[in-house]
């Protein structure tokens, strides 16, 4: 059973975002980005109470900006999804999760060492240039389900 309901359009959208955000980090890096996308769709907490679909997650606006920079600034995001990224997106949607992004709701590239927390959320690990963060204990039980 998939972690979140999805249609073929969602696979395409997610695949494009995974590539735009982490193509330089290979399949593993793109899978970690996919973890965060799916985690946000299932999280019923914090900044993610009103996002339930992949489309909601990808196009979420926070503080007058899209949550994912690639929506605004990314040429790769607007290119056609490729078969490899679609395959990876399906893996995430179906159930693939792994540390350090297994329960992560945030990631970013600090262009330096990963800080121990980001906006008060604990660091869970790093993969190549991206640092991953999951919610503080007791603040988002839903992200740990499924």
N, C-alpha and C. Protein backbone atom coordinates (compact mmCIF):
# COMPACT_ATOMS: atom_id res chain seq x y z
N UNK A 1 0.84 -1.18 0.00
CA UNK A 1 0.00 0.00 0.00
C UNK A 1 0.89 1.25 0.00
N UNK A 2 0.64 2.18 -0.88
CA UNK A 2 1.50 3.38 -0.95
C UNK A 2 1.38 4.24 0.32
N UNK A 3 2.41 4.99 0.60
CA UNK A 3 2.41 5.89 1.75
C UNK A 3 1.44 7.04 1.54
N UNK A 4 1.23 7.43 0.29
CA UNK A 4 0.32 8.54 -0.03
C UNK A 4 -0.37 8.19 -1.35
N UNK A 5 -1.62 8.57 -1.47
CA UNK A 5 -2.33 8.34 -2.73
C UNK A 5 -1.66 9.15 -3.82
N UNK A 6 -1.55 8.56 -4.99
CA UNK A 6 -0.93 9.30 -6.09
C UNK A 6 -1.46 8.84 -7.43
N UNK A 7 -1.30 9.75 -8.40
CA UNK A 7 -1.65 9.48 -9.79
C UNK A 7 -0.38 9.60 -10.63
N UNK A 8 -0.48 9.29 -11.89
CA UNK A 8 0.69 9.36 -12.76
C UNK A 8 1.24 10.79 -12.83
N UNK A 9 0.36 11.78 -12.79
CA UNK A 9 0.82 13.19 -12.78
C UNK A 9 1.69 13.48 -11.57
N UNK A 10 1.37 12.87 -10.42
CA UNK A 10 2.17 13.07 -9.21
C UNK A 10 3.56 12.46 -9.36
N UNK A 11 3.62 11.29 -9.99
CA UNK A 11 4.92 10.64 -10.23
C UNK A 11 5.78 11.56 -11.08
N UNK A 12 5.22 12.11 -12.13
CA UNK A 12 5.93 13.01 -13.03
C UNK A 12 6.41 14.26 -12.29
N UNK A 13 5.53 14.87 -11.54
CA UNK A 13 5.85 16.10 -10.80
C UNK A 13 6.96 15.85 -9.78
N UNK A 14 6.80 14.78 -9.04
CA UNK A 14 7.80 14.45 -8.02
C UNK A 14 9.15 14.11 -8.66
N UNK A 15 9.12 13.37 -9.75
CA UNK A 15 10.36 13.01 -10.45
C UNK A 15 11.11 14.26 -10.92
N UNK A 16 10.37 15.21 -11.44
CA UNK A 16 10.99 16.46 -11.89
C UNK A 16 11.62 17.22 -10.72
N UNK A 17 10.94 17.25 -9.56
CA UNK A 17 11.49 17.95 -8.40
C UNK A 17 12.71 17.22 -7.84
N UNK A 18 12.65 15.92 -7.78
CA UNK A 18 13.79 15.15 -7.28
C UNK A 18 15.03 15.42 -8.13
N UNK A 19 14.85 15.43 -9.44
CA UNK A 19 15.97 15.71 -10.34
C UNK A 19 16.47 17.14 -10.15
N UNK A 20 15.55 18.09 -10.11
CA UNK A 20 15.94 19.50 -10.00
C UNK A 20 16.69 19.78 -8.70
N UNK A 21 16.30 19.11 -7.63
CA UNK A 21 16.91 19.38 -6.33
C UNK A 21 18.19 18.58 -6.07
N UNK A 22 18.32 17.40 -6.70
CA UNK A 22 19.44 16.54 -6.28
C UNK A 22 20.07 15.72 -7.39
N UNK A 23 19.91 16.10 -8.63
CA UNK A 23 20.51 15.31 -9.72
C UNK A 23 22.00 15.09 -9.50
N UNK A 24 22.69 16.10 -9.02
CA UNK A 24 24.13 16.01 -8.79
C UNK A 24 24.51 15.05 -7.67
N UNK A 25 23.54 14.58 -6.93
CA UNK A 25 23.80 13.65 -5.82
C UNK A 25 23.38 12.22 -6.16
N UNK A 26 23.09 12.00 -7.44
CA UNK A 26 22.80 10.64 -7.89
C UNK A 26 21.45 10.11 -7.43
N UNK A 27 21.21 8.86 -7.72
CA UNK A 27 19.94 8.23 -7.37
C UNK A 27 19.66 8.30 -5.87
N UNK A 28 20.68 8.04 -5.07
CA UNK A 28 20.48 8.04 -3.61
C UNK A 28 20.05 9.43 -3.13
N UNK A 29 20.70 10.46 -3.60
CA UNK A 29 20.33 11.82 -3.21
C UNK A 29 18.93 12.18 -3.65
N UNK A 30 18.55 11.74 -4.85
CA UNK A 30 17.19 12.02 -5.32
C UNK A 30 16.16 11.25 -4.50
N UNK A 31 16.49 10.02 -4.09
CA UNK A 31 15.57 9.27 -3.22
C UNK A 31 15.38 9.98 -1.88
N UNK A 32 16.44 10.56 -1.33
CA UNK A 32 16.30 11.29 -0.07
C UNK A 32 15.39 12.49 -0.22
N UNK A 33 15.51 13.22 -1.30
CA UNK A 33 14.60 14.34 -1.57
C UNK A 33 13.18 13.82 -1.69
N UNK A 34 13.01 12.69 -2.36
CA UNK A 34 11.69 12.08 -2.46
C UNK A 34 11.12 11.71 -1.10
N UNK A 35 11.98 11.25 -0.17
CA UNK A 35 11.51 10.97 1.19
C UNK A 35 10.89 12.21 1.80
N UNK A 36 11.57 13.33 1.68
CA UNK A 36 11.07 14.57 2.28
C UNK A 36 9.74 14.97 1.65
N UNK A 37 9.62 14.84 0.34
CA UNK A 37 8.37 15.21 -0.33
C UNK A 37 7.21 14.36 0.19
N UNK A 38 7.39 13.06 0.25
CA UNK A 38 6.32 12.17 0.72
C UNK A 38 6.06 12.41 2.21
N UNK A 39 7.11 12.60 2.99
CA UNK A 39 6.92 12.86 4.43
C UNK A 39 6.06 14.10 4.64
N UNK A 40 6.27 15.13 3.85
CA UNK A 40 5.46 16.34 4.00
C UNK A 40 3.99 16.08 3.66
N UNK A 41 3.75 15.20 2.69
CA UNK A 41 2.36 14.90 2.31
C UNK A 41 1.64 14.11 3.40
N UNK A 42 2.36 13.31 4.18
CA UNK A 42 1.71 12.53 5.23
C UNK A 42 1.75 13.21 6.59
N UNK A 43 2.61 14.20 6.75
CA UNK A 43 2.72 14.90 8.04
C UNK A 43 1.50 15.79 8.25
N UNK A 44 0.88 15.65 9.37
CA UNK A 44 -0.26 16.49 9.72
C UNK A 44 0.14 17.34 10.91
N UNK A 45 1.15 18.19 10.69
CA UNK A 45 1.72 18.96 11.79
C UNK A 45 2.51 20.15 11.24
N UNK A 46 2.88 21.01 12.15
CA UNK A 46 3.77 22.13 11.85
C UNK A 46 3.34 22.87 10.59
N UNK A 47 4.25 23.08 9.65
CA UNK A 47 3.95 23.83 8.42
C UNK A 47 3.23 22.99 7.37
N UNK A 48 2.92 21.74 7.70
CA UNK A 48 2.40 20.82 6.70
C UNK A 48 0.99 20.31 7.00
N UNK A 49 0.24 21.05 7.78
CA UNK A 49 -1.14 20.65 8.12
C UNK A 49 -2.07 20.70 6.91
N UNK A 50 -1.80 21.59 5.98
CA UNK A 50 -2.70 21.79 4.85
C UNK A 50 -2.18 21.23 3.53
N UNK A 51 -1.17 20.39 3.58
CA UNK A 51 -0.68 19.76 2.35
C UNK A 51 -0.93 18.26 2.44
N UNK A 52 -1.66 17.73 1.50
CA UNK A 52 -2.01 16.31 1.53
C UNK A 52 -1.64 15.58 0.25
N UNK A 53 -1.38 16.31 -0.80
CA UNK A 53 -1.05 15.69 -2.08
C UNK A 53 0.36 16.08 -2.49
N UNK A 54 0.90 15.36 -3.44
CA UNK A 54 2.22 15.70 -3.97
C UNK A 54 2.19 17.10 -4.59
N UNK A 55 1.14 17.41 -5.29
CA UNK A 55 1.00 18.75 -5.88
C UNK A 55 1.00 19.82 -4.79
N UNK A 56 0.27 19.59 -3.69
CA UNK A 56 0.26 20.55 -2.57
C UNK A 56 1.66 20.77 -2.03
N UNK A 57 2.41 19.68 -1.87
CA UNK A 57 3.77 19.78 -1.32
C UNK A 57 4.67 20.56 -2.26
N UNK A 58 4.68 20.20 -3.53
CA UNK A 58 5.60 20.82 -4.48
C UNK A 58 5.33 22.32 -4.63
N UNK A 59 4.07 22.70 -4.63
CA UNK A 59 3.72 24.11 -4.87
C UNK A 59 3.35 24.87 -3.60
N UNK A 60 3.70 24.33 -2.43
CA UNK A 60 3.42 25.03 -1.18
C UNK A 60 4.20 26.34 -1.12
N UNK A 61 3.53 27.38 -0.66
CA UNK A 61 4.16 28.69 -0.48
C UNK A 61 4.26 28.96 1.01
N UNK A 62 5.45 29.35 1.43
CA UNK A 62 5.69 29.73 2.82
C UNK A 62 6.44 31.05 2.82
N UNK A 63 5.89 32.02 3.50
CA UNK A 63 6.56 33.32 3.58
C UNK A 63 6.80 33.96 2.23
N UNK A 64 5.82 33.93 1.36
CA UNK A 64 5.88 34.54 0.03
C UNK A 64 6.84 33.85 -0.95
N UNK A 65 7.33 32.68 -0.60
CA UNK A 65 8.21 31.93 -1.49
C UNK A 65 7.75 30.48 -1.56
N UNK A 66 8.02 29.84 -2.68
CA UNK A 66 7.76 28.41 -2.78
C UNK A 66 8.72 27.67 -1.84
N UNK A 67 8.23 26.61 -1.24
CA UNK A 67 9.06 25.81 -0.33
C UNK A 67 10.27 25.22 -1.05
N UNK A 68 10.09 24.86 -2.32
CA UNK A 68 11.19 24.32 -3.12
C UNK A 68 11.63 25.40 -4.11
N UNK A 69 12.87 25.82 -4.01
CA UNK A 69 13.39 26.87 -4.88
C UNK A 69 13.24 26.53 -6.36
N UNK A 70 13.32 25.26 -6.68
CA UNK A 70 13.29 24.85 -8.10
C UNK A 70 12.00 25.25 -8.80
N UNK A 71 10.91 25.42 -8.06
CA UNK A 71 9.65 25.85 -8.68
C UNK A 71 9.82 27.23 -9.30
N UNK A 72 10.54 28.09 -8.61
CA UNK A 72 10.74 29.47 -9.04
C UNK A 72 11.97 29.64 -9.92
N UNK A 73 13.04 28.94 -9.55
CA UNK A 73 14.33 29.22 -10.16
C UNK A 73 14.90 28.08 -10.98
N UNK A 74 14.25 26.92 -10.97
CA UNK A 74 14.89 25.75 -11.54
C UNK A 74 14.51 25.40 -12.95
N UNK A 75 15.44 25.52 -13.86
CA UNK A 75 15.18 25.11 -15.23
C UNK A 75 14.93 23.61 -15.33
N UNK A 76 15.65 22.80 -14.54
CA UNK A 76 15.47 21.35 -14.60
C UNK A 76 14.06 20.94 -14.21
N UNK A 77 13.46 21.65 -13.28
CA UNK A 77 12.12 21.31 -12.83
C UNK A 77 11.12 21.38 -13.98
N UNK A 78 11.35 22.24 -14.90
CA UNK A 78 10.40 22.42 -16.00
C UNK A 78 10.73 21.59 -17.24
N UNK A 79 11.73 20.73 -17.13
CA UNK A 79 12.02 19.79 -18.21
C UNK A 79 11.22 18.52 -18.01
N UNK A 80 11.06 17.76 -19.06
CA UNK A 80 10.30 16.50 -19.01
C UNK A 80 10.95 15.52 -18.03
N UNK A 81 10.13 14.82 -17.26
CA UNK A 81 10.63 13.80 -16.35
C UNK A 81 11.20 12.63 -17.14
N UNK A 82 12.30 12.09 -16.66
CA UNK A 82 12.93 10.95 -17.31
C UNK A 82 12.53 9.65 -16.61
N UNK A 83 12.69 8.56 -17.31
CA UNK A 83 12.27 7.25 -16.79
C UNK A 83 12.94 6.92 -15.46
N UNK A 84 14.23 7.21 -15.31
CA UNK A 84 14.94 6.89 -14.07
C UNK A 84 14.33 7.62 -12.88
N UNK A 85 14.10 8.91 -13.02
CA UNK A 85 13.54 9.67 -11.89
C UNK A 85 12.10 9.23 -11.60
N UNK A 86 11.35 8.87 -12.62
CA UNK A 86 9.99 8.36 -12.38
C UNK A 86 10.03 7.06 -11.59
N UNK A 87 10.97 6.22 -11.91
CA UNK A 87 11.13 4.95 -11.17
C UNK A 87 11.47 5.24 -9.71
N UNK A 88 12.36 6.18 -9.49
CA UNK A 88 12.74 6.55 -8.11
C UNK A 88 11.54 7.15 -7.37
N UNK A 89 10.80 8.01 -8.03
CA UNK A 89 9.63 8.64 -7.39
C UNK A 89 8.62 7.58 -6.97
N UNK A 90 8.38 6.61 -7.84
CA UNK A 90 7.45 5.52 -7.48
C UNK A 90 7.93 4.75 -6.26
N UNK A 91 9.23 4.53 -6.18
CA UNK A 91 9.79 3.83 -5.00
C UNK A 91 9.45 4.61 -3.73
N UNK A 92 9.67 5.92 -3.76
CA UNK A 92 9.35 6.74 -2.59
C UNK A 92 7.85 6.70 -2.27
N UNK A 93 7.03 6.87 -3.28
CA UNK A 93 5.59 6.90 -3.07
C UNK A 93 5.07 5.58 -2.52
N UNK A 94 5.67 4.50 -2.94
CA UNK A 94 5.22 3.18 -2.47
C UNK A 94 5.67 2.88 -1.05
N UNK A 95 6.90 3.19 -0.71
CA UNK A 95 7.31 2.93 0.68
C UNK A 95 8.79 3.06 0.96
N UNK A 96 9.62 3.44 0.01
CA UNK A 96 11.06 3.50 0.26
C UNK A 96 11.38 4.66 1.17
N UNK A 97 12.02 4.36 2.29
CA UNK A 97 12.50 5.39 3.22
C UNK A 97 13.81 4.92 3.82
N UNK A 98 14.71 5.86 4.00
CA UNK A 98 16.01 5.49 4.56
C UNK A 98 16.64 6.69 5.27
N UNK A 99 17.41 6.40 6.31
CA UNK A 99 18.16 7.41 7.04
C UNK A 99 19.17 8.04 6.07
N UNK A 100 19.44 9.32 6.10
CA UNK A 100 19.04 10.32 7.09
C UNK A 100 17.72 11.03 6.79
N UNK A 101 17.04 10.67 5.72
CA UNK A 101 15.80 11.37 5.35
C UNK A 101 14.54 10.59 5.71
N UNK A 102 14.70 9.47 6.40
CA UNK A 102 13.56 8.58 6.66
C UNK A 102 12.37 9.33 7.27
N UNK A 103 12.62 10.21 8.22
CA UNK A 103 11.55 10.97 8.87
C UNK A 103 11.72 12.48 8.66
N UNK A 104 12.61 12.86 7.78
CA UNK A 104 12.94 14.28 7.59
C UNK A 104 11.81 15.03 6.89
N UNK A 105 11.61 16.26 7.33
CA UNK A 105 10.67 17.17 6.69
C UNK A 105 11.38 18.33 6.02
N UNK A 106 12.67 18.45 6.27
CA UNK A 106 13.45 19.55 5.71
C UNK A 106 14.82 19.08 5.28
N UNK A 107 15.37 19.76 4.31
CA UNK A 107 16.76 19.58 3.91
C UNK A 107 17.22 20.88 3.30
N UNK A 108 18.51 21.09 3.30
CA UNK A 108 19.07 22.23 2.58
C UNK A 108 20.56 22.02 2.41
N UNK A 109 21.14 22.80 1.54
CA UNK A 109 22.57 22.77 1.27
C UNK A 109 23.16 24.03 1.90
N UNK A 110 23.88 23.90 3.02
CA UNK A 110 24.41 25.09 3.70
C UNK A 110 25.68 25.64 3.07
N UNK A 111 26.24 24.94 2.10
CA UNK A 111 27.53 25.34 1.51
C UNK A 111 28.59 25.48 2.59
N UNK A 112 28.43 24.71 3.66
CA UNK A 112 29.37 24.67 4.80
C UNK A 112 28.99 23.42 5.61
N UNK A 113 29.49 23.32 6.82
CA UNK A 113 29.13 22.19 7.68
C UNK A 113 27.64 22.28 8.05
N UNK A 114 27.02 21.14 8.22
CA UNK A 114 25.60 21.11 8.62
C UNK A 114 25.46 21.61 10.05
N UNK A 115 24.57 22.56 10.28
CA UNK A 115 24.34 22.99 11.66
C UNK A 115 23.60 21.90 12.45
N UNK A 116 23.77 21.86 13.78
CA UNK A 116 23.14 20.82 14.60
C UNK A 116 21.62 20.92 14.64
N UNK A 117 21.09 22.06 14.29
CA UNK A 117 19.64 22.21 14.17
C UNK A 117 19.36 23.26 13.10
N UNK A 118 18.16 23.24 12.60
CA UNK A 118 17.75 24.20 11.58
C UNK A 118 16.35 24.64 11.93
N UNK A 119 16.21 25.92 12.23
CA UNK A 119 14.93 26.47 12.71
C UNK A 119 14.39 25.63 13.87
N UNK A 120 15.30 25.21 14.76
CA UNK A 120 14.92 24.47 15.95
C UNK A 120 14.67 22.99 15.73
N UNK A 121 14.87 22.49 14.53
CA UNK A 121 14.63 21.07 14.24
C UNK A 121 15.97 20.33 14.22
N UNK A 122 16.02 19.12 14.81
CA UNK A 122 17.30 18.41 14.94
C UNK A 122 17.83 17.82 13.63
N UNK A 123 19.13 17.90 13.49
CA UNK A 123 19.88 17.34 12.37
C UNK A 123 19.84 15.82 12.45
N UNK A 124 19.55 15.16 11.32
CA UNK A 124 19.53 13.69 11.32
C UNK A 124 20.66 13.09 10.51
N UNK A 125 21.29 13.88 9.67
CA UNK A 125 22.40 13.36 8.89
C UNK A 125 22.59 14.13 7.61
N UNK A 126 23.66 13.78 6.93
CA UNK A 126 24.03 14.47 5.70
C UNK A 126 24.27 13.45 4.61
N UNK A 127 23.89 13.81 3.39
CA UNK A 127 24.27 13.04 2.22
C UNK A 127 24.82 14.04 1.21
N UNK A 128 26.08 13.87 0.90
CA UNK A 128 26.79 14.78 0.01
C UNK A 128 26.57 16.22 0.48
N UNK A 129 25.96 17.09 -0.32
CA UNK A 129 25.84 18.50 0.07
C UNK A 129 24.60 18.81 0.90
N UNK A 130 23.64 17.87 1.01
CA UNK A 130 22.39 18.17 1.71
C UNK A 130 22.38 17.69 3.16
N UNK A 131 21.89 18.57 4.02
CA UNK A 131 21.69 18.27 5.43
C UNK A 131 20.20 18.01 5.65
N UNK A 132 19.87 16.99 6.46
CA UNK A 132 18.48 16.60 6.67
C UNK A 132 18.07 16.82 8.13
N UNK A 133 16.80 17.22 8.30
CA UNK A 133 16.28 17.57 9.63
C UNK A 133 14.89 16.98 9.80
N UNK A 134 14.65 16.39 10.96
CA UNK A 134 13.32 15.85 11.26
C UNK A 134 12.71 16.68 12.39
N UNK A 135 11.41 16.53 12.61
CA UNK A 135 10.76 17.34 13.65
C UNK A 135 11.27 17.00 15.05
N UNK A 136 11.21 17.99 15.92
CA UNK A 136 11.55 17.75 17.32
C UNK A 136 10.64 16.66 17.87
N UNK A 137 11.18 15.88 18.80
CA UNK A 137 10.42 14.79 19.41
C UNK A 137 9.09 15.33 19.95
N UNK A 138 8.02 14.57 19.70
CA UNK A 138 6.71 14.91 20.24
C UNK A 138 5.95 15.97 19.47
N UNK A 139 6.48 16.47 18.34
CA UNK A 139 5.80 17.55 17.63
C UNK A 139 5.11 17.09 16.33
N UNK A 140 5.38 15.86 15.89
CA UNK A 140 4.82 15.45 14.61
C UNK A 140 4.79 13.93 14.48
N UNK A 141 3.97 13.30 15.29
CA UNK A 141 3.89 11.83 15.30
C UNK A 141 3.54 11.26 13.93
N UNK A 142 2.74 11.98 13.14
CA UNK A 142 2.27 11.44 11.86
C UNK A 142 3.40 11.15 10.88
N UNK A 143 4.50 11.85 10.96
CA UNK A 143 5.59 11.61 10.01
C UNK A 143 6.26 10.25 10.26
N UNK A 144 6.09 9.70 11.46
CA UNK A 144 6.71 8.42 11.80
C UNK A 144 5.81 7.24 11.45
N UNK A 145 4.58 7.50 11.07
CA UNK A 145 3.64 6.44 10.71
C UNK A 145 3.85 5.99 9.27
N UNK A 146 3.43 4.77 9.01
CA UNK A 146 3.46 4.25 7.63
C UNK A 146 4.81 3.89 7.23
